[in-house]
């Protein structure tokens, strides 16, 4: 007998083993999760797909949940909850707070988090909810049981050698079933075996999301998009036509000499939020905070100069109203608050990467930037909170009735006098010196 002709290769044996009914669900989920992660699927798509794959392979899933981390000044992460009845995913955003809320402290996730922070690599927790009150030792489990759940399984996948999931270094899962006898051991095995590869795909998305959030937070939406798509070469800049907004706090240096540092920071936060909030829905992008000043642009798309200038003026006037309201509130509370001067201009800027070989700044430079900063310095002597250049007034054809010429003025560093405009309804500033 020719044994060489009939012997099975190790690869054949492996393929046969992978095709066994007990192994096939794990192999298929691994293949799907790997492909999804390589394609860059987002967390919502990944977890929805994972829950559907579990159901397809016989896991009697009632509810599935995952919390993924992020780094953002406003929120700590995202939650995705899949429910069989709805056959869809619900998305949550978790707001950042100084102290964790009571629901979180008294949750299974909190206990798992403590175990992870103590060094346990893959902490998990299971409760057979239908077996009695002693298995429902967290308020959330009492709620799940009241909704028909009979079994609960939760786990954490930690990122890194020694990660703290509370600091964006892990993902937290939970699953429930309403099967009378709870999850079978095979179902738990499928979940436990496939969670690592799903976590790896989620980690890839979380890393990308964190990078995007950080770029947007520190560079602004417009610049972040360019940097994230590869505009990182030093000395490369594009010409950009835009309306420019420059705002500066009046008398800031004197104020810092007599005001506690924490109060100054709180005041600046109030001022910057009042300035920037009206820009968000109007296409404005903050390029830079320069100490107590702000430089922002409203880029022109082809043919929309007049509309963009109107939006920039609307944003500036709304900011002035918000600043005045906030000033009154802080003064009533005996807190420091300073006036803010705003200037609007139109021009061409060079927009791109400038700096040293290992430390770049993505910003705008050019005569237009210099001129709008010089224009803002006229606000105080003219008793105005908002000034506009002649070029802005010419472009803002939709706002002609709202503008008033204040005359010709010399700007520092600009060779010829420039016509300066104010808002026709703005009265003399009582805070002007």
Protein backbone atom coordinates (compact mmCIF):
# COMPACT_ATOMS: atom_id res chain seq x y z
CA UNK A 1 0.00 0.00 0.00
CA UNK A 2 1.37 3.46 -0.94
CA UNK A 3 1.02 5.35 2.36
CA UNK A 4 2.57 8.49 0.86
CA UNK A 5 -0.35 8.84 -1.53
CA UNK A 6 -2.99 8.59 1.19
CA UNK A 7 -1.32 10.55 4.06
CA UNK A 8 -3.06 13.80 5.04
CA UNK A 9 -1.01 16.97 5.26
CA UNK A 10 -0.96 19.08 8.47
CA UNK A 11 -2.79 21.81 6.55
CA UNK A 12 -5.54 19.39 5.57
CA UNK A 13 -5.88 18.29 9.18
CA UNK A 14 -6.06 21.91 10.30
CA UNK A 15 -8.72 22.79 7.72
CA UNK A 16 -10.75 19.78 8.77
CA UNK A 17 -10.50 20.79 12.42
CA UNK A 18 -11.53 24.37 11.66
CA UNK A 19 -14.61 23.08 9.85
CA UNK A 20 -15.94 21.21 12.87
CA UNK A 21 -19.41 22.47 13.94
CA UNK A 22 -18.12 23.56 17.36
CA UNK A 23 -15.24 25.56 15.87
CA UNK A 24 -16.85 26.96 12.73
CA UNK A 25 -18.63 29.92 14.46
CA UNK A 26 -15.36 31.12 16.02
CA UNK A 27 -13.47 30.84 12.72
CA UNK A 28 -16.14 32.71 10.78
CA UNK A 29 -16.37 35.50 13.37
CA UNK A 30 -12.57 35.80 13.38
CA UNK A 31 -12.50 36.12 9.60
CA UNK A 32 -15.31 38.70 9.60
CA UNK A 33 -13.83 40.80 12.44
CA UNK A 34 -10.34 40.79 10.90
CA UNK A 35 -11.65 41.87 7.51
CA UNK A 36 -13.88 44.54 9.08
CA UNK A 37 -11.00 45.93 11.13
CA UNK A 38 -8.69 46.07 8.10
CA UNK A 39 -11.38 47.90 6.13
CA UNK A 40 -11.64 50.50 8.88
CA UNK A 41 -15.20 49.73 10.00
CA UNK A 42 -16.39 52.02 12.78
CA UNK A 43 -17.37 50.84 16.25
CA UNK A 44 -21.10 51.02 15.55
CA UNK A 45 -20.81 48.80 12.48
CA UNK A 46 -18.43 46.40 14.23
CA UNK A 47 -20.55 45.79 17.31
CA UNK A 48 -23.82 45.58 15.40
CA UNK A 49 -22.22 43.04 13.09
CA UNK A 50 -20.76 41.09 16.00
CA UNK A 51 -24.11 40.74 17.76
CA UNK A 52 -25.78 39.63 14.52
CA UNK A 53 -23.04 37.05 13.92
CA UNK A 54 -23.49 35.68 17.44
CA UNK A 55 -27.22 35.26 16.83
CA UNK A 56 -26.60 33.66 13.43
CA UNK A 57 -24.34 31.09 15.09
CA UNK A 58 -26.88 30.13 17.72
CA UNK A 59 -26.08 32.42 20.65
CA UNK A 60 -29.45 33.30 22.19
CA UNK A 61 -28.64 36.97 22.65
CA UNK A 62 -31.21 39.35 24.13
CA UNK A 63 -29.00 42.42 24.58
CA UNK A 64 -25.39 43.33 23.92
CA UNK A 65 -23.48 46.44 24.97
CA UNK A 66 -19.97 47.82 24.47
CA UNK A 67 -18.37 51.01 25.76
CA UNK A 68 -15.41 52.33 23.79
CA UNK A 69 -12.99 55.06 24.92
CA UNK A 70 -11.97 58.37 23.43
CA UNK A 71 -9.93 61.43 24.37
CA UNK A 72 -12.04 64.53 24.09
CA UNK A 73 -12.58 67.56 26.36
CA UNK A 74 -16.36 67.03 26.39
CA UNK A 75 -16.90 63.27 26.53
CA UNK A 76 -15.08 60.16 27.71
CA UNK A 77 -16.40 57.63 25.22
CA UNK A 78 -19.28 56.06 23.37
CA UNK A 79 -21.75 53.32 24.19
CA UNK A 80 -23.41 50.97 21.70
CA UNK A 81 -26.38 48.84 22.79
CA UNK A 82 -27.86 46.12 20.56
CA UNK A 83 -31.33 44.74 21.35
CA UNK A 84 -32.91 41.74 19.70
CA UNK A 85 -36.43 43.21 19.83
CA UNK A 86 -35.36 46.28 17.87
CA UNK A 87 -32.78 44.39 15.79
CA UNK A 88 -30.74 47.60 15.80
CA UNK A 89 -28.11 49.54 17.70
CA UNK A 90 -28.59 52.51 20.02
CA UNK A 91 -25.65 54.93 20.34
CA UNK A 92 -24.79 56.90 23.48
CA UNK A 93 -22.22 59.60 24.24
CA UNK A 94 -20.77 59.69 27.76
CA UNK A 95 -20.16 63.23 28.95
CA UNK A 96 -16.98 63.96 30.87
CA UNK A 97 -17.53 64.83 34.54
CA UNK A 98 -15.34 65.44 37.56
CA UNK A 99 -16.79 62.53 39.53
CA UNK A 100 -18.38 59.28 38.25
CA UNK A 101 -22.15 59.09 38.62
CA UNK A 102 -23.84 56.80 41.09
CA UNK A 103 -25.16 54.42 38.44
CA UNK A 104 -21.61 53.78 37.22
CA UNK A 105 -20.15 53.34 40.72
CA UNK A 106 -22.82 50.72 41.52
CA UNK A 107 -22.46 48.80 38.26
CA UNK A 108 -20.74 45.53 37.30
CA UNK A 109 -18.51 47.57 34.99
CA UNK A 110 -17.12 49.51 37.94
CA UNK A 111 -16.12 46.28 39.70
CA UNK A 112 -14.52 44.94 36.52
CA UNK A 113 -12.66 48.23 36.09
CA UNK A 114 -11.18 47.96 39.58
CA UNK A 115 -9.99 44.43 38.83
CA UNK A 116 -8.42 45.57 35.57
CA UNK A 117 -6.62 48.45 37.28
CA UNK A 118 -5.24 46.02 39.85
CA UNK A 119 -3.54 44.13 37.03
CA UNK A 120 -6.02 41.44 35.97
CA UNK A 121 -5.64 41.12 32.20
CA UNK A 122 -9.11 39.90 31.15
CA UNK A 123 -11.55 40.30 34.04
CA UNK A 124 -15.02 38.90 33.48
CA UNK A 125 -18.19 38.49 35.51
CA UNK A 126 -21.19 36.22 35.14
CA UNK A 127 -24.50 36.24 36.98
CA UNK A 128 -27.27 33.63 36.56
CA UNK A 129 -30.07 36.17 37.02
CA UNK A 130 -32.92 33.64 37.13
CA UNK A 131 -31.39 31.70 40.04
CA UNK A 132 -32.25 34.18 42.75
CA UNK A 133 -31.72 37.64 44.27
CA UNK A 134 -28.13 36.81 45.28
CA UNK A 135 -27.28 36.71 41.54
CA UNK A 136 -28.76 40.19 41.06
CA UNK A 137 -26.31 42.08 43.28
CA UNK A 138 -26.17 45.24 41.15
CA UNK A 139 -29.11 47.58 40.36
CA UNK A 140 -28.55 47.11 36.62
CA UNK A 141 -28.93 43.34 36.98
CA UNK A 142 -32.26 43.78 38.80
CA UNK A 143 -33.40 45.91 35.86
CA UNK A 144 -32.21 43.39 33.26
CA UNK A 145 -34.00 40.57 35.10
CA UNK A 146 -37.23 42.58 35.19
CA UNK A 147 -36.95 42.87 31.41
CA UNK A 148 -36.75 39.09 31.02
CA UNK A 149 -33.01 38.41 31.15
CA UNK A 150 -31.99 35.10 32.75
CA UNK A 151 -28.20 35.29 32.42
CA UNK A 152 -25.58 38.06 32.29
CA UNK A 153 -21.96 38.04 31.16
CA UNK A 154 -19.57 41.02 31.20
CA UNK A 155 -15.88 41.37 30.35
CA UNK A 156 -13.14 43.93 29.80
CA UNK A 157 -10.47 43.80 27.11
CA UNK A 158 -7.49 45.87 28.26
CA UNK A 159 -5.27 47.68 25.75
CA UNK A 160 -1.52 47.68 26.39
CA UNK A 161 0.69 45.89 28.90
CA UNK A 162 -0.92 47.56 31.89
CA UNK A 163 -3.84 49.63 30.71
CA UNK A 164 -6.40 51.59 32.65
CA UNK A 165 -9.75 51.22 30.81
CA UNK A 166 -11.02 54.35 32.55
CA UNK A 167 -8.28 56.31 30.75
CA UNK A 168 -9.11 55.10 27.25
CA UNK A 169 -7.14 51.87 27.37
CA UNK A 170 -9.79 49.19 27.00
CA UNK A 171 -13.33 48.27 26.01
CA UNK A 172 -16.10 46.95 28.26
CA UNK A 173 -18.77 44.46 27.13
CA UNK A 174 -21.95 42.97 28.54
CA UNK A 175 -24.40 40.41 27.16
CA UNK A 176 -27.74 39.05 28.35
CA UNK A 177 -30.00 36.21 27.25
CA UNK A 178 -33.60 35.35 27.97
CA UNK A 179 -33.20 31.62 27.34
CA UNK A 180 -34.83 29.72 30.23
CA UNK A 181 -31.57 28.00 31.19
CA UNK A 182 -29.34 30.98 30.43
CA UNK A 183 -26.30 30.95 28.18
CA UNK A 184 -24.97 27.51 27.37
CA UNK A 185 -21.30 26.82 28.05
CA UNK A 186 -20.71 26.67 24.29
CA UNK A 187 -22.26 30.14 23.88
CA UNK A 188 -20.05 31.59 26.62
CA UNK A 189 -17.06 29.90 24.97
CA UNK A 190 -17.88 31.50 21.60
CA UNK A 191 -18.14 34.96 23.20
CA UNK A 192 -14.96 34.57 25.25
CA UNK A 193 -12.98 33.24 22.29
CA UNK A 194 -14.05 35.89 19.79
CA UNK A 195 -13.98 39.00 21.99
CA UNK A 196 -10.19 39.49 21.60
CA UNK A 197 -10.33 39.85 17.82
CA UNK A 198 -13.39 42.11 18.02
CA UNK A 199 -11.56 44.19 20.63
CA UNK A 200 -8.57 44.49 18.32
CA UNK A 201 -10.80 45.82 15.53
CA UNK A 202 -12.47 48.22 18.00
CA UNK A 203 -9.04 49.34 19.22
CA UNK A 204 -8.08 50.26 15.66
CA UNK A 205 -11.23 52.37 15.30
CA UNK A 206 -10.80 53.92 18.77
CA UNK A 207 -7.22 54.92 17.92
CA UNK A 208 -8.35 56.57 14.72
CA UNK A 209 -11.23 58.31 16.51
CA UNK A 210 -8.95 59.54 19.28
CA UNK A 211 -6.49 60.94 16.73
CA UNK A 212 -9.33 62.69 14.91
CA UNK A 213 -10.76 64.16 18.12
CA UNK A 214 -7.37 65.42 19.28
CA UNK A 215 -6.62 67.03 15.92
CA UNK A 216 -10.02 68.74 15.86
CA UNK A 217 -9.63 69.88 19.45
CA UNK A 218 -6.19 71.40 19.03
CA UNK A 219 -6.20 72.41 15.35
CA UNK A 220 -9.87 73.00 14.56
CA UNK A 221 -12.10 71.15 12.10
CA UNK A 222 -10.72 72.67 8.90
CA UNK A 223 -7.01 72.26 9.68
CA UNK A 224 -7.51 68.85 11.32
CA UNK A 225 -9.11 67.44 8.18
CA UNK A 226 -6.13 68.53 6.10
CA UNK A 227 -3.54 67.20 8.52
CA UNK A 228 -5.36 63.88 8.98
CA UNK A 229 -5.44 63.34 5.22
CA UNK A 230 -1.69 63.81 4.93
CA UNK A 231 -0.96 67.54 4.69
CA UNK A 232 2.07 67.38 6.99
CA UNK A 233 4.94 68.50 4.75
CA UNK A 234 6.88 71.45 6.12
CA UNK A 235 6.74 74.62 4.06
CA UNK A 236 3.81 73.45 1.92
CA UNK A 237 0.87 75.86 2.00
CA UNK A 238 -2.15 76.63 -0.14
CA UNK A 239 -3.60 79.99 -1.02
CA UNK A 240 -6.98 80.48 0.59
CA UNK A 241 -9.55 83.26 0.21
CA UNK A 242 -11.51 83.87 3.38
CA UNK A 243 -13.19 86.27 5.72
CA UNK A 244 -10.95 86.66 8.76
CA UNK A 245 -12.06 87.31 12.31
CA UNK A 246 -9.62 88.52 14.94
CA UNK A 247 -10.70 89.09 18.55
CA UNK A 248 -8.65 90.27 21.51
CA UNK A 249 -9.38 90.87 25.19
CA UNK A 250 -9.09 94.55 26.10
CA UNK A 251 -6.79 95.37 29.05
CA UNK A 252 -5.87 91.75 29.64
CA UNK A 253 -2.35 92.38 30.98
CA UNK A 254 -3.58 94.81 33.65
CA UNK A 255 -6.36 92.43 34.62
CA UNK A 256 -3.97 89.52 35.15
CA UNK A 257 -1.92 91.63 37.58
CA UNK A 258 -4.85 91.96 40.00
CA UNK A 259 -6.90 88.79 39.41
CA UNK A 260 -6.21 85.23 40.64
CA UNK A 261 -5.00 82.86 37.94
CA UNK A 262 -7.90 80.41 38.29
CA UNK A 263 -10.40 83.24 37.83
CA UNK A 264 -8.53 84.44 34.71
CA UNK A 265 -8.68 80.96 33.19
CA UNK A 266 -12.40 80.71 33.96
CA UNK A 267 -12.97 84.14 32.39
CA UNK A 268 -11.06 83.21 29.23
CA UNK A 269 -13.06 80.00 28.89
CA UNK A 270 -16.27 82.04 29.10
CA UNK A 271 -14.99 84.56 26.54
CA UNK A 272 -13.76 81.99 24.06
CA UNK A 273 -16.96 79.96 24.23
CA UNK A 274 -19.05 83.10 23.66
CA UNK A 275 -16.86 83.97 20.66
CA UNK A 276 -16.69 80.53 19.09
CA UNK A 277 -20.19 79.14 19.65
CA UNK A 278 -21.75 81.42 16.98
CA UNK A 279 -19.11 80.31 14.44
CA UNK A 280 -19.82 76.58 14.66
CA UNK A 281 -22.98 76.62 12.58
CA UNK A 282 -21.75 79.31 10.21
CA UNK A 283 -18.64 77.73 8.72
CA UNK A 284 -16.11 79.52 10.93
CA UNK A 285 -12.91 77.74 11.96
CA UNK A 286 -10.64 78.81 14.79
CA UNK A 287 -7.04 78.67 13.62
CA UNK A 288 -5.33 79.74 16.79
CA UNK A 289 -5.65 81.00 20.32
CA UNK A 290 -2.88 83.57 20.73
CA UNK A 291 -2.85 84.09 24.48
CA UNK A 292 -6.01 86.13 25.02
CA UNK A 293 -6.71 86.54 21.29
CA UNK A 294 -8.45 84.40 18.67
CA UNK A 295 -7.81 84.11 14.93
CA UNK A 296 -10.56 82.47 12.89
CA UNK A 297 -11.41 82.11 9.21
CA UNK A 298 -14.59 81.68 7.20
CA UNK A 299 -13.28 80.15 3.95
CA UNK A 300 -14.89 81.23 0.69
CA UNK A 301 -16.31 78.61 -1.56
CA UNK A 302 -16.62 79.64 -5.20
CA UNK A 303 -19.17 82.40 -5.65
CA UNK A 304 -20.32 82.67 -2.04
CA UNK A 305 -18.25 85.60 -0.75
CA UNK A 306 -21.28 87.75 0.07
CA UNK A 307 -23.05 84.96 1.97
CA UNK A 308 -19.89 84.00 3.86
CA UNK A 309 -19.30 87.61 4.91
CA UNK A 310 -22.89 87.83 6.13
CA UNK A 311 -22.39 84.67 8.20
CA UNK A 312 -19.15 86.04 9.63
CA UNK A 313 -20.86 89.31 10.58
CA UNK A 314 -23.80 87.41 12.09
CA UNK A 315 -21.37 85.35 14.17
CA UNK A 316 -19.50 88.45 15.37
CA UNK A 317 -22.68 90.29 16.37
CA UNK A 318 -24.10 87.24 18.13
CA UNK A 319 -20.78 86.86 19.96
CA UNK A 320 -20.99 90.47 21.14
CA UNK A 321 -24.47 89.87 22.54
CA UNK A 322 -23.31 86.71 24.32
CA UNK A 323 -20.24 88.50 25.70
CA UNK A 324 -22.32 91.34 27.08
CA UNK A 325 -24.73 88.88 28.72
CA UNK A 326 -21.86 86.94 30.25
CA UNK A 327 -20.20 90.17 31.45
CA UNK A 328 -23.37 91.16 33.32
CA UNK A 329 -23.63 87.69 34.91
CA UNK A 330 -20.02 87.66 36.07
CA UNK A 331 -20.11 91.20 37.39
CA UNK A 332 -23.24 90.34 39.37
CA UNK A 333 -21.26 87.45 40.89
CA UNK A 334 -18.31 89.78 41.60
CA UNK A 335 -16.11 87.94 39.08
CA UNK A 336 -13.66 89.50 36.65
CA UNK A 337 -14.67 90.02 33.04
CA UNK A 338 -13.10 92.11 30.30
CA UNK A 339 -14.36 93.66 27.09
CA UNK A 340 -13.51 91.98 23.80
CA UNK A 341 -12.74 93.77 20.54
CA UNK A 342 -13.48 92.08 17.19
CA UNK A 343 -12.31 92.89 13.66
CA UNK A 344 -13.44 91.43 10.33
CA UNK A 345 -11.44 91.51 7.12
CA UNK A 346 -11.29 89.73 3.76
CA UNK A 347 -8.14 88.58 2.02
CA UNK A 348 -5.84 85.90 0.71
CA UNK A 349 -3.83 83.89 3.21
CA UNK A 350 -1.20 81.18 2.95
CA UNK A 351 -2.64 78.21 4.79
CA UNK A 352 -0.43 75.27 5.70
CA UNK A 353 2.55 73.94 7.64
CA UNK A 354 5.16 76.28 9.06
CA UNK A 355 7.84 75.68 11.66
CA UNK A 356 10.87 73.55 12.47
CA UNK A 357 11.55 70.12 11.00
CA UNK A 358 10.14 68.36 14.09
CA UNK A 359 7.55 70.89 15.31
CA UNK A 360 5.02 72.30 12.86
CA UNK A 361 2.09 74.64 13.18
CA UNK A 362 -0.81 74.45 10.74
CA UNK A 363 -1.96 78.05 10.44
CA UNK A 364 -2.50 81.01 8.15
CA UNK A 365 -0.03 83.80 7.44
CA UNK A 366 0.06 86.80 5.13
CA UNK A 367 -0.67 90.51 4.95
CA UNK A 368 -4.40 89.92 5.48
CA UNK A 369 -3.70 88.32 8.87
CA UNK A 370 -1.52 91.24 9.89
CA UNK A 371 -4.09 93.78 8.72
CA UNK A 372 -7.04 92.27 10.61
CA UNK A 373 -4.94 92.25 13.81
CA UNK A 374 -4.02 95.93 13.26
CA UNK A 375 -7.67 96.79 12.57
CA UNK A 376 -8.75 95.31 15.91
CA UNK A 377 -6.46 97.78 17.71
CA UNK A 378 -8.67 100.66 16.50
CA UNK A 379 -11.71 99.38 18.43
CA UNK A 380 -10.78 100.97 21.74
CA UNK A 381 -9.86 104.47 20.47
CA UNK A 382 -12.96 104.51 18.24
CA UNK A 383 -15.24 103.34 21.05
CA UNK A 384 -16.37 100.27 19.09
CA UNK A 385 -16.57 96.57 19.86
CA UNK A 386 -16.68 95.49 16.20
CA UNK A 387 -14.88 96.96 13.18
CA UNK A 388 -14.71 95.90 9.53
CA UNK A 389 -12.29 96.67 6.76
CA UNK A 390 -13.20 98.30 3.46
CA UNK A 391 -12.53 95.00 1.70
CA UNK A 392 -14.96 93.22 4.01
CA UNK A 393 -17.59 95.92 3.45
CA UNK A 394 -17.22 95.61 -0.33
CA UNK A 395 -17.59 91.82 -0.21
CA UNK A 396 -20.50 91.87 2.24
CA UNK A 397 -23.04 93.10 -0.29
CA UNK A 398 -25.84 91.35 1.62
CA UNK A 399 -25.07 93.53 4.68
CA UNK A 400 -24.89 97.03 3.16
CA UNK A 401 -27.68 98.35 5.39
CA UNK A 402 -25.91 97.10 8.52
CA UNK A 403 -22.57 98.85 7.90
CA UNK A 404 -21.50 102.43 8.50
CA UNK A 405 -18.29 104.12 7.35
CA UNK A 406 -16.30 105.60 10.21
CA UNK A 407 -13.72 107.30 7.99
CA UNK A 408 -10.11 106.79 6.91
CA UNK A 409 -7.54 105.58 9.43
CA UNK A 410 -3.90 104.61 9.45
CA UNK A 411 -3.13 101.07 10.57
CA UNK A 412 0.23 100.36 12.11
CA UNK A 413 2.52 98.78 9.52
CA UNK A 414 0.13 99.53 6.63
CA UNK A 415 1.40 102.21 4.25
CA UNK A 416 -1.90 103.82 3.15
CA UNK A 417 -4.91 104.91 5.24
CA UNK A 418 -7.81 102.48 5.13
CA UNK A 419 -11.53 103.12 5.30
CA UNK A 420 -12.97 101.49 8.40
CA UNK A 421 -16.57 100.42 8.97
CA UNK A 422 -18.66 99.74 12.05
CA UNK A 423 -22.16 98.39 12.60
CA UNK A 424 -24.75 101.09 11.90
CA UNK A 425 -26.71 100.26 15.06
CA UNK A 426 -23.74 100.13 17.45
CA UNK A 427 -23.50 103.07 19.82
CA UNK A 428 -20.30 104.43 21.30
CA UNK A 429 -18.74 101.95 23.71
CA UNK A 430 -19.12 103.21 27.29
CA UNK A 431 -16.04 101.17 28.26
CA UNK A 432 -13.82 102.99 25.74
CA UNK A 433 -11.05 105.02 27.24
